[in-house]
């Protein structure tokens, strides 16, 4: 009986030692997982910041495109005005051959063209969506 008792106690001690070793290894693994979790949470924060910056960049680009589309429409209006002015000048030029032309009859159209060109130029310079302003932001 003494032999069985000794063997039983030895097996119990071995089992306890294995359980303690397993517990230490599990604690070490838990520490590693905690470090990995902390690192991943930091990565998530960094990625969320990057996503926010990318969204802002996309908004700036979209706004710039809208500004460019507006500038294109204004340029088309200027071209149409220039075409109208040219047609008027040609029509009056052919009707008034031999007479000296004065620019006063064309002044309203000319002023309108200049005004539209100046407005377009000013809007492009002060637009927060122009490519030069975007690169500064």
Protein backbone atom coordinates (compact mmCIF):
# COMPACT_ATOMS: atom_id res chain seq x y z
CA UNK A 1 0.00 0.00 0.00
CA UNK A 2 2.91 2.27 0.68
CA UNK A 3 4.08 1.82 -2.91
CA UNK A 4 0.64 2.72 -4.31
CA UNK A 5 0.47 5.74 -2.04
CA UNK A 6 3.89 6.96 -3.17
CA UNK A 7 3.02 6.44 -6.83
CA UNK A 8 -0.28 8.23 -6.41
CA UNK A 9 1.37 11.20 -4.67
CA UNK A 10 4.04 11.32 -7.36
CA UNK A 11 1.40 11.36 -10.11
CA UNK A 12 -0.55 14.08 -8.29
CA UNK A 13 2.61 16.21 -7.97
CA UNK A 14 3.44 15.69 -11.66
CA UNK A 15 -0.10 16.64 -12.62
CA UNK A 16 0.16 19.79 -10.44
CA UNK A 17 3.51 20.70 -12.05
CA UNK A 18 2.09 20.23 -15.56
CA UNK A 19 -0.92 22.35 -14.66
CA UNK A 20 1.36 25.07 -13.23
CA UNK A 21 3.55 25.00 -16.36
CA UNK A 22 0.48 25.16 -18.55
CA UNK A 23 -0.82 28.07 -16.48
CA UNK A 24 2.48 29.96 -16.87
CA UNK A 25 2.52 29.33 -20.61
CA UNK A 26 -1.09 30.47 -20.85
CA UNK A 27 -0.27 33.66 -18.92
CA UNK A 28 2.66 34.33 -21.26
CA UNK A 29 0.40 33.74 -24.25
CA UNK A 30 -2.19 36.09 -22.74
CA UNK A 31 0.47 38.80 -22.34
CA UNK A 32 1.49 38.37 -25.95
CA UNK A 33 -2.14 38.58 -27.07
CA UNK A 34 -2.65 41.72 -24.96
CA UNK A 35 0.38 43.33 -26.64
CA UNK A 36 -0.89 42.26 -30.06
CA UNK A 37 -4.35 43.66 -29.25
CA UNK A 38 -2.88 46.98 -28.15
CA UNK A 39 -0.80 47.16 -31.33
CA UNK A 40 -3.82 46.36 -33.51
CA UNK A 41 -5.92 48.99 -31.74
CA UNK A 42 -3.21 51.56 -32.45
CA UNK A 43 -3.16 50.44 -36.08
CA UNK A 44 -6.94 50.88 -36.26
CA UNK A 45 -6.62 54.44 -34.95
CA UNK A 46 -3.91 55.24 -37.49
CA UNK A 47 -5.98 53.75 -40.32
CA UNK A 48 -9.08 55.68 -39.22
CA UNK A 49 -7.04 58.90 -39.29
CA UNK A 50 -5.78 58.02 -42.77
CA UNK A 51 -9.33 57.28 -43.92
CA UNK A 52 -10.47 60.65 -42.58
CA UNK A 53 -7.64 62.44 -44.44
CA UNK A 54 -8.45 60.54 -47.63
CA UNK A 55 -12.13 61.49 -47.33
CA UNK A 56 -11.14 65.14 -46.89
CA UNK A 57 -8.85 64.91 -49.91
CA UNK A 58 -11.67 63.39 -51.96
CA UNK A 59 -13.97 66.23 -50.88
CA UNK A 60 -11.38 68.84 -51.85
CA UNK A 61 -10.94 67.19 -55.23
CA UNK A 62 -14.70 67.01 -55.77
CA UNK A 63 -15.06 70.69 -54.84
CA UNK A 64 -12.19 71.56 -57.17
CA UNK A 65 -13.90 69.71 -60.00
CA UNK A 66 -17.11 71.62 -59.32
CA UNK A 67 -15.15 74.87 -59.43
CA UNK A 68 -13.57 73.82 -62.71
CA UNK A 69 -16.96 72.94 -64.16
CA UNK A 70 -18.24 76.38 -63.17
CA UNK A 71 -15.18 78.00 -64.76
CA UNK A 72 -15.79 75.98 -67.93
CA UNK A 73 -19.41 77.18 -68.08
CA UNK A 74 -18.24 80.76 -67.65
CA UNK A 75 -15.63 80.31 -70.38
CA UNK A 76 -18.35 78.95 -72.66
CA UNK A 77 -20.44 82.03 -71.93
CA UNK A 78 -17.47 84.25 -72.76
CA UNK A 79 -16.91 82.37 -76.01
CA UNK A 80 -20.58 82.77 -76.92
CA UNK A 81 -20.37 86.48 -76.15
CA UNK A 82 -17.22 86.77 -78.27
CA UNK A 83 -18.97 84.93 -81.11
CA UNK A 84 -21.94 87.30 -80.87
CA UNK A 85 -19.63 90.30 -80.82
CA UNK A 86 -17.77 88.98 -83.85
CA UNK A 87 -21.02 88.46 -85.73
CA UNK A 88 -22.15 91.98 -84.89
CA UNK A 89 -18.85 93.44 -86.01
CA UNK A 90 -18.88 91.48 -89.25
CA UNK A 91 -22.49 92.41 -89.92
CA UNK A 92 -21.91 96.07 -89.24
CA UNK A 93 -18.60 96.01 -91.06
CA UNK A 94 -20.20 94.75 -94.25
CA UNK A 95 -23.09 97.22 -93.92
CA UNK A 96 -20.87 100.19 -93.19
CA UNK A 97 -18.20 99.74 -95.85
CA UNK A 98 -16.55 103.03 -96.45
CA UNK A 99 -17.77 104.56 -93.20
CA UNK A 100 -15.50 104.85 -90.22
CA UNK A 101 -16.64 102.69 -87.38
CA UNK A 102 -16.69 103.84 -83.81
CA UNK A 103 -16.38 101.48 -80.92
CA UNK A 104 -19.17 103.23 -79.01
CA UNK A 105 -21.83 101.17 -80.77
CA UNK A 106 -20.11 98.01 -79.53
CA UNK A 107 -19.27 99.22 -76.08
CA UNK A 108 -22.05 97.43 -74.16
CA UNK A 109 -21.14 94.03 -75.65
CA UNK A 110 -17.44 94.73 -75.18
CA UNK A 111 -17.97 95.76 -71.57
CA UNK A 112 -20.03 92.64 -70.95
CA UNK A 113 -17.24 90.45 -72.35
CA UNK A 114 -14.59 92.18 -70.26
CA UNK A 115 -16.74 91.97 -67.16
CA UNK A 116 -17.30 88.23 -67.62
CA UNK A 117 -13.59 87.64 -68.22
CA UNK A 118 -12.66 89.63 -65.12
CA UNK A 119 -15.20 87.79 -63.00
CA UNK A 120 -13.91 84.42 -64.16
CA UNK A 121 -10.33 85.44 -63.48
CA UNK A 122 -11.17 86.77 -60.01
CA UNK A 123 -13.17 83.66 -59.10
CA UNK A 124 -10.34 81.40 -60.15
CA UNK A 125 -7.84 83.39 -58.09
CA UNK A 126 -9.96 83.44 -54.94
CA UNK A 127 -11.59 80.04 -55.29
CA UNK A 128 -10.74 77.60 -52.48
CA UNK A 129 -11.13 74.92 -55.12
CA UNK A 130 -8.46 76.06 -57.53
CA UNK A 131 -5.54 73.71 -57.98
CA UNK A 132 -3.06 76.18 -56.47
CA UNK A 133 -5.12 76.62 -53.32
CA UNK A 134 -5.65 72.86 -53.02
CA UNK A 135 -1.93 72.20 -53.04
CA UNK A 136 -1.46 74.67 -50.20
CA UNK A 137 -4.03 73.02 -47.96
